[in-house]
Amino acid sequence: MDMRIYSFGGLGGLVCGIDFGIIAVAVPYIRALQLYTDLQLGWIVGGVMLGGIVASACGGHLCDKLGRRATIRLATLCFLVSIPVICLSGASFPVIMAGRVMQGLSCGFLSVAMPLYLAETLPAERRGKGTAVFQLFLGIGLVLAALAGVVLSRALGAADADPSVVGNEAKSLAWRINFWWTLFPAILLGASSLLVPESEVGKSVEVRDAASLSGALLSRRYVVPFLLAVAVLTLNKLIGFGCVVPYAVMLLQKAGLSGTLGNVGDLAIKATNLVATLVVVGLVDRVGRTRLLKVGTAGLSVALALIGALFFAFERDWIAPSVCVGSVTLAAFLLLVFSYSFGPGVCVWLVLSELMPSRIRARGMSIALFSNQFVAWGLASAFLPLANSCGFGVLFFVFAVFGIVYFTTVLFIPETNGLTLDQIETLFERKKENG
């Protein structure tokens, strides 16, 4: 049964990764076709996060009312509907936005329900591995999305190719194919949901009224783990990592890796995420969550500062974009991605599902993810306008500052490795008694 649950969690991560990663390949083609303004393109990129905001706001309630497994099925349905809407949108901004928001609903529901499901159905000694499998396959989804970009650029031409060489029809076909193929893993996820049981907690959760839950969340017993989870999930987006993935190809091209090299660099970023996650799968239940979070947040803070320095220098003509400089920029991105995946990428989902006591877990996760998705949407939507205003260098310096705040916050998180969910709940009770 554990293997079925691991496979189910893996497929959920795969769909999430594809959900999040495919836009990086589509953006350069859509931009080259001049279908939308930069502001509209930012909204299209941020559409997934906007849908995630809505899903996060109601995902906890749905998990309690319908069950974890049924909510995952709903997420799958949203994804299966969203892809045809996007691909058949023509040049209509409202239609493609509707499809992207629906994609976001899918990713948001999965982000609430799947970590809950894995935490509640796997024993304590394998809970970390189970959640790491979710993140591992999320990384595989990102790699597949990037690999599709390389294949498309080879088969149909790069997005920044001369229009006389690669026409608009080929570019239009490329970004649509980029979305159509993603239906297959979503179908597998829906089918696998028929082969796994509902979690016991999901079966027994009593649906409470909003006022009762609000009081519980802010009660002395629950407020510390609740606020820690919200802080961690919010900082997980304030570091700007959510802007790197959808805009990776464009950023690398600005640094000097033009044409297909930008897609290859994007693939290297996704592959690094996958390798780091593979390493963490074997470490998370042995080394512990907080140690990995400390190493990861420290590393990403350094990487963000380095990326900021490079783009600051580009924008002031201190150095010129080139293949050599672009390769250095790519190396900085690889350090960022490795650090993120080594710590926050996996462990943040464990922290979220483990810190929350059972009474508030679904609703508390929903609120934390609402904050997470709201920040992600705001940054992704405003990324290009902000960069045009103050420069990419300044933006990445700001992200680095939030990385330092993230590292500091992690110092207050207790280690939960090997503890049952009931034992974790008593950690904060003992702290209050000792205080």
Protein backbone atom coordinates (compact mmCIF):
# COMPACT_ATOMS: atom_id res chain seq x y z
CA MET A 1 0.00 0.00 0.00
CA ASP A 2 2.88 2.39 0.78
CA MET A 3 4.09 2.02 -2.82
CA ARG A 4 0.66 3.00 -4.15
CA ILE A 5 0.65 6.07 -1.91
CA TYR A 6 4.20 7.01 -2.99
CA SER A 7 3.14 6.67 -6.66
CA PHE A 8 0.01 8.73 -6.04
CA GLY A 9 2.03 11.46 -4.32
CA GLY A 10 4.61 11.34 -7.10
CA LEU A 11 2.00 11.86 -9.80
CA GLY A 12 0.57 14.78 -7.84
CA GLY A 13 4.02 16.35 -7.72
CA LEU A 14 4.53 15.65 -11.42
CA VAL A 15 1.35 17.51 -12.37
CA CYS A 16 2.29 20.41 -10.04
CA GLY A 17 5.75 20.66 -11.59
CA ILE A 18 4.40 20.63 -15.13
CA ASP A 19 1.67 23.08 -14.08
CA PHE A 20 4.30 25.51 -12.86
CA GLY A 21 7.08 24.89 -15.39
CA ILE A 22 5.50 24.89 -18.84
CA ILE A 23 4.95 28.64 -18.96
CA ALA A 24 8.74 29.27 -19.04
CA VAL A 25 8.86 27.65 -22.49
CA ALA A 26 5.70 29.36 -23.73
CA VAL A 27 6.55 32.93 -22.63
CA PRO A 28 9.36 33.61 -25.17
CA TYR A 29 7.19 32.35 -28.06
CA ILE A 30 4.12 34.32 -26.96
CA ARG A 31 6.26 37.42 -26.47
CA ALA A 32 7.83 37.00 -29.91
CA LEU A 33 4.36 36.84 -31.46
CA GLN A 34 3.51 40.16 -29.75
CA LEU A 35 0.08 38.87 -28.80
CA TYR A 36 0.05 40.74 -25.48
CA THR A 37 1.74 43.64 -23.71
CA ASP A 38 4.40 42.95 -21.06
CA LEU A 39 1.82 43.78 -18.40
CA GLN A 40 -0.66 41.28 -19.86
CA LEU A 41 2.09 38.68 -20.21
CA GLY A 42 2.93 39.17 -16.56
CA TRP A 43 -0.71 38.54 -15.69
CA ILE A 44 -0.72 35.39 -17.83
CA VAL A 45 2.37 34.11 -16.02
CA GLY A 46 0.81 35.05 -12.69
CA GLY A 47 -2.54 33.49 -13.61
CA VAL A 48 -1.53 30.17 -12.04
CA MET A 49 -0.70 31.96 -8.79
CA LEU A 50 -4.01 33.87 -8.94
CA GLY A 51 -5.89 30.58 -9.24
CA GLY A 52 -3.73 29.24 -6.44
CA ILE A 53 -4.89 32.08 -4.20
CA VAL A 54 -8.53 31.09 -4.72
CA ALA A 55 -7.73 27.39 -4.27
CA SER A 56 -5.75 28.05 -1.10
CA ALA A 57 -8.59 30.09 0.36
CA CYS A 58 -11.12 27.27 0.00
CA GLY A 59 -8.85 24.20 -0.28
CA GLY A 60 -8.78 23.49 3.45
CA HIS A 61 -12.58 23.63 3.66
CA LEU A 62 -12.88 21.26 0.70
CA CYS A 63 -10.35 18.86 2.24
CA ASP A 64 -12.42 18.74 5.42
CA LYS A 65 -15.78 18.53 3.69
CA LEU A 66 -15.02 16.29 0.68
CA GLY A 67 -11.91 14.52 1.94
CA ARG A 68 -8.29 14.76 0.80
CA ARG A 69 -8.60 12.28 -2.08
CA ALA A 70 -11.75 13.87 -3.53
CA THR A 71 -10.08 17.30 -3.47
CA ILE A 72 -7.16 15.85 -5.44
CA ARG A 73 -9.65 14.52 -7.99
CA LEU A 74 -11.16 17.99 -8.28
CA ALA A 75 -7.67 19.39 -8.88
CA THR A 76 -7.15 16.88 -11.67
CA LEU A 77 -10.43 17.86 -13.33
CA CYS A 78 -9.47 21.56 -13.22
CA PHE A 79 -6.19 20.78 -14.97
CA LEU A 80 -7.82 18.66 -17.67
CA VAL A 81 -10.26 21.48 -18.48
CA SER A 82 -7.67 24.27 -18.36
CA ILE A 83 -5.37 23.02 -21.12
CA PRO A 84 -7.95 23.06 -23.97
CA VAL A 85 -9.12 26.51 -22.82
CA ILE A 86 -5.55 27.86 -23.04
CA CYS A 87 -4.69 26.21 -26.36
CA LEU A 88 -7.91 27.30 -28.05
CA SER A 89 -7.82 30.86 -26.71
CA GLY A 90 -6.53 32.41 -29.95
CA ALA A 91 -5.26 35.87 -29.04
CA SER A 92 -7.98 36.49 -26.45
CA PHE A 93 -6.47 37.73 -23.20
CA PRO A 94 -9.59 36.99 -21.05
CA VAL A 95 -9.81 33.40 -22.36
CA ILE A 96 -6.15 32.51 -21.84
CA MET A 97 -6.31 34.13 -18.40
CA ALA A 98 -9.32 31.96 -17.54
CA GLY A 99 -7.37 28.87 -18.54
CA ARG A 100 -4.31 29.89 -16.54
CA VAL A 101 -6.42 30.65 -13.46
CA MET A 102 -8.02 27.22 -13.79
CA GLN A 103 -4.51 25.74 -13.97
CA GLY A 104 -3.78 27.60 -10.75
CA LEU A 105 -6.86 26.12 -9.09
CA SER A 106 -5.48 22.70 -9.93
CA CYS A 107 -2.04 23.43 -8.52
CA GLY A 108 -3.49 25.13 -5.43
CA PHE A 109 -5.82 22.25 -4.55
CA LEU A 110 -2.98 19.76 -5.03
CA SER A 111 -0.63 21.86 -2.86
CA VAL A 112 -3.14 21.78 0.02
CA ALA A 113 -4.49 18.26 -0.32
CA MET A 114 -1.49 16.13 -1.35
CA PRO A 115 0.91 17.05 1.51
CA LEU A 116 -2.01 16.52 3.92
CA TYR A 117 -2.79 13.15 2.38
CA LEU A 118 0.85 11.97 2.52
CA ALA A 119 1.41 13.19 6.09
CA GLU A 120 -1.74 11.44 7.32
CA THR A 121 -1.41 8.12 5.50
CA LEU A 122 2.31 7.35 5.93
CA PRO A 123 3.97 6.28 9.23
CA ALA A 124 6.29 8.74 11.00
CA GLU A 125 9.50 6.99 9.89
CA ARG A 126 8.52 7.29 6.20
CA ARG A 127 6.61 10.57 6.26
CA GLY A 128 9.61 12.65 5.21
CA LYS A 129 10.40 10.33 2.32
CA GLY A 130 6.79 10.42 1.15
CA THR A 131 6.67 14.20 1.06
CA ALA A 132 10.11 14.26 -0.59
CA VAL A 133 8.73 11.98 -3.34
CA PHE A 134 6.05 14.61 -4.01
CA GLN A 135 8.76 17.25 -4.40
CA LEU A 136 11.00 14.88 -6.38
CA PHE A 137 8.32 14.33 -8.99
CA LEU A 138 7.53 18.04 -8.95
CA GLY A 139 11.16 18.44 -10.01
CA ILE A 140 10.72 15.78 -12.70
CA GLY A 141 7.70 17.73 -13.96
CA LEU A 142 9.83 20.87 -14.21
CA VAL A 143 12.54 18.95 -16.10
CA LEU A 144 9.99 17.48 -18.52
CA ALA A 145 8.59 20.97 -19.14
CA ALA A 146 12.08 22.33 -19.84
CA LEU A 147 13.00 19.32 -22.00
CA ALA A 148 9.87 19.96 -24.06
CA GLY A 149 11.20 23.48 -24.65
CA VAL A 150 14.52 22.17 -25.97
CA VAL A 151 12.74 19.68 -28.26
CA LEU A 152 10.37 22.34 -29.57
CA SER A 153 13.17 24.84 -30.21
CA ARG A 154 15.06 22.17 -32.17
CA ALA A 155 12.02 20.96 -34.10
CA LEU A 156 10.19 24.23 -34.79
CA GLY A 157 12.83 26.89 -34.12
CA ALA A 158 13.81 29.06 -31.15
CA ALA A 159 11.49 31.81 -29.95
CA ASP A 160 14.08 34.53 -30.61
CA ALA A 161 14.92 33.27 -34.12
CA ASP A 162 14.64 35.67 -37.07
CA PRO A 163 10.99 35.78 -38.29
CA SER A 164 12.21 35.11 -41.82
CA VAL A 165 13.71 31.82 -40.60
CA VAL A 166 11.11 30.77 -38.05
CA GLY A 167 7.69 32.15 -38.94
CA ASN A 168 4.82 33.07 -36.66
CA GLU A 169 2.91 29.89 -37.53
CA ALA A 170 5.75 27.72 -36.21
CA LYS A 171 6.03 29.81 -33.04
CA SER A 172 2.27 29.69 -32.49
CA LEU A 173 2.28 25.91 -32.96
CA ALA A 174 5.24 25.52 -30.57
CA TRP A 175 3.65 27.13 -27.52
CA ARG A 176 0.37 25.27 -28.01
CA ILE A 177 2.05 21.87 -28.34
CA ASN A 178 3.89 22.83 -25.16
CA PHE A 179 0.53 22.79 -23.34
CA TRP A 180 -1.28 19.92 -25.09
CA TRP A 181 1.14 17.15 -24.08
CA THR A 182 0.64 17.88 -20.37
CA LEU A 183 -2.81 16.25 -20.41
CA PHE A 184 -1.31 12.75 -20.20
CA PRO A 185 0.19 12.90 -16.65
CA ALA A 186 -3.02 14.53 -15.37
CA ILE A 187 -5.04 11.60 -16.73
CA LEU A 188 -2.68 9.20 -14.91
CA LEU A 189 -3.17 11.12 -11.65
CA GLY A 190 -6.94 10.89 -11.96
CA ALA A 191 -6.74 7.15 -12.64
CA SER A 192 -4.39 6.53 -9.70
CA SER A 193 -6.82 8.25 -7.30
CA LEU A 194 -9.09 5.22 -7.81
CA LEU A 195 -6.42 2.89 -6.38
CA VAL A 196 -5.64 4.55 -3.03
CA PRO A 197 -7.73 4.88 0.17
CA GLU A 198 -8.86 8.10 1.81
CA SER A 199 -6.71 9.15 4.77
CA GLU A 200 -8.11 8.18 8.17
CA VAL A 201 -7.88 11.79 9.36
CA GLY A 202 -9.65 12.92 6.21
CA LYS A 203 -12.47 10.50 6.98
CA SER A 204 -12.89 11.59 10.58
CA VAL A 205 -12.43 15.37 10.41
CA GLU A 206 -15.41 17.23 11.75
CA VAL A 207 -16.36 20.28 9.65
CA ARG A 208 -16.43 23.26 11.99
CA ASP A 209 -17.82 26.71 11.58
CA ALA A 210 -15.47 29.53 10.55
CA ALA A 211 -15.72 31.40 13.86
CA SER A 212 -14.73 28.31 15.85
CA LEU A 213 -11.74 27.68 13.60
CA SER A 214 -10.59 31.30 13.72
CA GLY A 215 -10.61 31.11 17.50
CA ALA A 216 -8.69 27.86 17.45
CA LEU A 217 -6.02 29.20 15.08
CA LEU A 218 -5.31 32.15 17.36
CA SER A 219 -5.60 30.25 20.65
CA ARG A 220 -2.51 30.03 22.85
CA ARG A 221 -2.15 26.35 22.06
CA TYR A 222 -2.02 26.73 18.27
CA VAL A 223 -0.88 30.27 17.47
CA VAL A 224 2.91 29.63 17.47
CA PRO A 225 2.94 26.69 15.02
CA PHE A 226 0.31 28.44 12.90
CA LEU A 227 2.30 31.69 12.63
CA LEU A 228 5.56 29.82 11.97
CA ALA A 229 3.94 27.91 9.12
CA VAL A 230 2.50 31.11 7.63
CA ALA A 231 5.88 32.88 7.91
CA VAL A 232 7.76 30.02 6.26
CA LEU A 233 5.28 29.69 3.39
CA THR A 234 5.24 33.46 2.78
CA LEU A 235 9.03 33.76 2.80
CA ASN A 236 9.22 30.79 0.47
CA LYS A 237 7.83 33.12 -2.22
CA LEU A 238 9.29 36.46 -1.07
CA ILE A 239 12.75 35.15 -2.02
CA GLY A 240 11.58 35.39 -5.64
CA PHE A 241 12.17 31.76 -6.60
CA GLY A 242 8.74 31.68 -8.20
CA CYS A 243 9.92 34.33 -10.69
CA VAL A 244 13.03 32.40 -11.69
CA VAL A 245 11.23 29.36 -13.13
CA PRO A 246 8.73 31.08 -15.47
CA TYR A 247 11.23 33.72 -16.61
CA ALA A 248 14.38 31.55 -16.65
CA VAL A 249 14.78 31.40 -20.44
CA MET A 250 14.30 35.16 -20.80
CA LEU A 251 16.73 35.96 -17.96
CA LEU A 252 19.43 33.70 -19.38
CA GLN A 253 18.99 35.23 -22.82
CA LYS A 254 19.44 38.69 -21.30
CA ALA A 255 22.69 37.46 -19.73
CA GLY A 256 24.04 36.28 -23.10
CA LEU A 257 22.75 32.72 -23.63
CA SER A 258 20.66 33.46 -26.70
CA GLY A 259 18.66 31.07 -28.88
CA THR A 260 18.54 27.41 -27.94
CA LEU A 261 21.26 27.95 -25.31
CA GLY A 262 18.66 29.72 -23.17
CA ASN A 263 16.43 26.64 -23.33
CA VAL A 264 19.39 24.37 -22.55
CA GLY A 265 20.20 26.57 -19.53
CA ASP A 266 16.58 26.31 -18.42
CA LEU A 267 16.82 22.52 -18.71
CA ALA A 268 20.03 22.60 -16.61
CA ILE A 269 18.16 24.58 -13.92
CA LYS A 270 15.33 22.04 -13.81
CA ALA A 271 17.78 19.11 -13.84
CA THR A 272 19.68 20.63 -10.90
CA ASN A 273 16.42 20.92 -9.00
CA LEU A 274 15.83 17.22 -9.67
CA VAL A 275 19.32 16.14 -8.57
CA ALA A 276 19.12 18.16 -5.36
CA THR A 277 15.72 16.69 -4.58
CA LEU A 278 17.06 13.16 -5.15
CA VAL A 279 19.79 13.88 -2.60
CA VAL A 280 17.25 15.19 -0.08
CA VAL A 281 15.00 12.12 -0.47
CA GLY A 282 17.78 10.06 1.10
CA LEU A 283 18.65 12.65 3.77
CA VAL A 284 15.44 14.16 5.07
CA ASP A 285 14.50 11.31 7.44
CA ARG A 286 18.11 10.96 8.66
CA VAL A 287 19.49 14.49 8.87
CA GLY A 288 16.27 16.25 9.83
CA ARG A 289 14.19 19.08 8.43
CA THR A 290 15.59 22.16 10.15
CA ARG A 291 19.24 21.40 9.36
CA LEU A 292 18.44 21.11 5.65
CA LEU A 293 16.37 24.32 5.84
CA LYS A 294 19.29 26.20 7.41
CA VAL A 295 21.78 25.07 4.76
CA GLY A 296 19.31 25.73 1.94
CA THR A 297 18.24 29.23 3.02
CA ALA A 298 21.86 30.27 3.62
CA GLY A 299 22.89 29.06 0.15
CA LEU A 300 20.01 30.69 -1.68
CA SER A 301 20.69 34.03 0.04
CA VAL A 302 24.25 34.00 -1.33
CA ALA A 303 23.05 32.97 -4.81
CA LEU A 304 20.41 35.71 -4.95
CA ALA A 305 22.99 38.34 -3.99
CA LEU A 306 25.33 37.08 -6.73
CA ILE A 307 22.57 37.15 -9.37
CA GLY A 308 21.66 40.66 -8.23
CA ALA A 309 25.29 41.78 -8.61
CA LEU A 310 25.52 40.33 -12.14
CA PHE A 311 22.34 41.98 -13.41
CA PHE A 312 23.25 45.22 -11.61
CA ALA A 313 26.49 45.20 -13.61
CA PHE A 314 24.67 44.41 -16.91
CA GLU A 315 22.24 47.26 -16.42
CA ARG A 316 25.00 49.78 -15.79
CA ASP A 317 27.12 48.57 -18.74
CA TRP A 318 29.96 47.52 -16.45
CA ILE A 319 29.99 44.16 -18.21
CA ALA A 320 28.39 43.09 -21.49
CA PRO A 321 26.15 40.03 -21.91
CA SER A 322 28.04 37.16 -23.57
CA VAL A 323 28.15 33.38 -23.60
CA CYS A 324 30.88 33.48 -20.95
CA VAL A 325 29.05 35.90 -18.66
CA GLY A 326 25.79 34.08 -19.35
CA SER A 327 27.43 30.86 -18.19
CA VAL A 328 28.47 32.53 -14.93
CA THR A 329 24.89 33.77 -14.50
CA LEU A 330 23.62 30.26 -15.15
CA ALA A 331 26.01 28.93 -12.49
CA ALA A 332 24.54 31.41 -9.99
CA PHE A 333 21.03 30.26 -10.90
CA LEU A 334 22.12 26.64 -10.45
CA LEU A 335 23.41 27.46 -6.95
CA LEU A 336 20.09 29.14 -6.19
CA VAL A 337 18.07 26.18 -7.43
CA PHE A 338 20.26 23.59 -5.69
CA SER A 339 20.04 25.48 -2.38
CA TYR A 340 16.29 25.94 -2.67
CA SER A 341 15.67 22.31 -3.58
CA PHE A 342 18.08 21.04 -0.92
CA GLY A 343 16.18 22.82 1.85
CA PRO A 344 12.95 24.78 1.34
CA GLY A 345 11.86 22.91 -1.79
CA VAL A 346 11.19 19.68 0.12
CA CYS A 347 11.22 20.62 3.78
CA VAL A 348 8.75 23.50 3.57
CA TRP A 349 5.94 21.04 2.73
CA LEU A 350 6.95 18.87 5.67
CA VAL A 351 7.02 21.86 7.99
CA LEU A 352 3.59 22.91 6.79
CA SER A 353 1.95 19.50 7.21
CA GLU A 354 3.76 18.58 10.44
CA LEU A 355 3.65 21.79 12.47
CA MET A 356 -0.11 22.22 12.22
CA PRO A 357 -2.07 20.29 14.90
CA SER A 358 -4.76 17.97 13.52
CA ARG A 359 -7.68 20.20 14.57
CA ILE A 360 -6.47 23.14 12.49
CA ARG A 361 -4.27 21.36 9.94
CA ALA A 362 -6.41 21.64 6.80
CA ARG A 363 -7.67 25.21 7.45
CA GLY A 364 -4.30 26.39 8.79
CA MET A 365 -2.53 25.03 5.73
CA SER A 366 -5.11 26.71 3.56
CA ILE A 367 -4.40 30.12 5.14
CA ALA A 368 -0.63 29.63 4.93
CA LEU A 369 -0.88 28.64 1.29
CA PHE A 370 -3.18 31.58 0.60
CA SER A 371 -0.41 33.90 1.78
CA ASN A 372 2.12 31.87 -0.22
CA GLN A 373 0.10 32.04 -3.44
CA PHE A 374 -0.86 35.69 -3.00
CA VAL A 375 2.79 36.71 -2.77
CA ALA A 376 3.71 34.41 -5.68
CA TRP A 377 0.98 35.90 -7.85
CA GLY A 378 1.91 39.47 -6.95
CA LEU A 379 5.60 38.94 -7.70
CA ALA A 380 5.07 36.97 -10.93
CA SER A 381 2.55 39.49 -12.26
CA ALA A 382 4.63 42.54 -11.33
CA PHE A 383 8.06 41.04 -12.10
CA LEU A 384 8.52 42.54 -15.58
CA PRO A 385 7.04 45.96 -14.77
CA LEU A 386 9.19 46.18 -11.61
CA ALA A 387 12.27 45.08 -13.53
CA ASN A 388 11.58 47.74 -16.17
CA SER A 389 11.26 50.30 -13.40
CA CYS A 390 14.12 49.51 -11.01
CA GLY A 391 16.13 46.83 -12.80
CA PHE A 392 16.63 43.09 -12.32
CA GLY A 393 19.71 43.70 -10.17
CA VAL A 394 17.83 45.66 -7.50
CA LEU A 395 15.01 43.09 -7.50
CA PHE A 396 17.36 40.20 -6.82
CA PHE A 397 19.10 42.17 -4.06
CA VAL A 398 15.69 42.58 -2.39
CA PHE A 399 15.08 38.84 -2.76
CA ALA A 400 18.44 38.20 -1.09
CA VAL A 401 17.38 40.29 1.92
CA PHE A 402 14.26 38.15 2.29
CA GLY A 403 16.53 35.10 2.06
CA ILE A 404 18.36 36.29 5.16
CA VAL A 405 15.02 36.83 6.94
CA TYR A 406 14.03 33.29 5.90
CA PHE A 407 17.22 31.84 7.41
CA THR A 408 16.56 33.71 10.66
CA THR A 409 12.98 32.40 10.84
CA VAL A 410 14.15 28.81 10.41
CA LEU A 411 16.17 29.13 13.63
CA PHE A 412 12.88 29.16 15.58
CA ILE A 413 11.49 25.95 14.03
CA PRO A 414 11.81 22.80 16.21
CA GLU A 415 13.08 19.55 14.70
CA THR A 416 10.23 17.13 13.91
CA ASN A 417 12.19 14.27 12.38
CA GLY A 418 10.92 10.82 13.45
CA LEU A 419 8.11 12.19 15.62
CA THR A 420 4.46 11.28 15.20
CA LEU A 421 2.02 14.09 14.47
CA ASP A 422 0.69 13.82 18.05
CA GLN A 423 4.23 14.10 19.48
CA ILE A 424 4.93 17.18 17.35
CA GLU A 425 1.79 18.82 18.71
CA THR A 426 3.05 18.38 22.28
CA LEU A 427 6.37 20.13 21.46
CA PHE A 428 4.75 23.55 21.56
CA GLU A 429 2.67 22.69 24.64
CA ARG A 430 5.85 21.80 26.55
CA LYS A 431 7.52 25.02 25.39
CA LYS A 432 4.62 27.06 26.78
CA GLU A 433 4.75 25.16 30.09
CA ASN A 434 8.52 25.69 30.36
CA GLY A 435 8.14 29.37 29.39
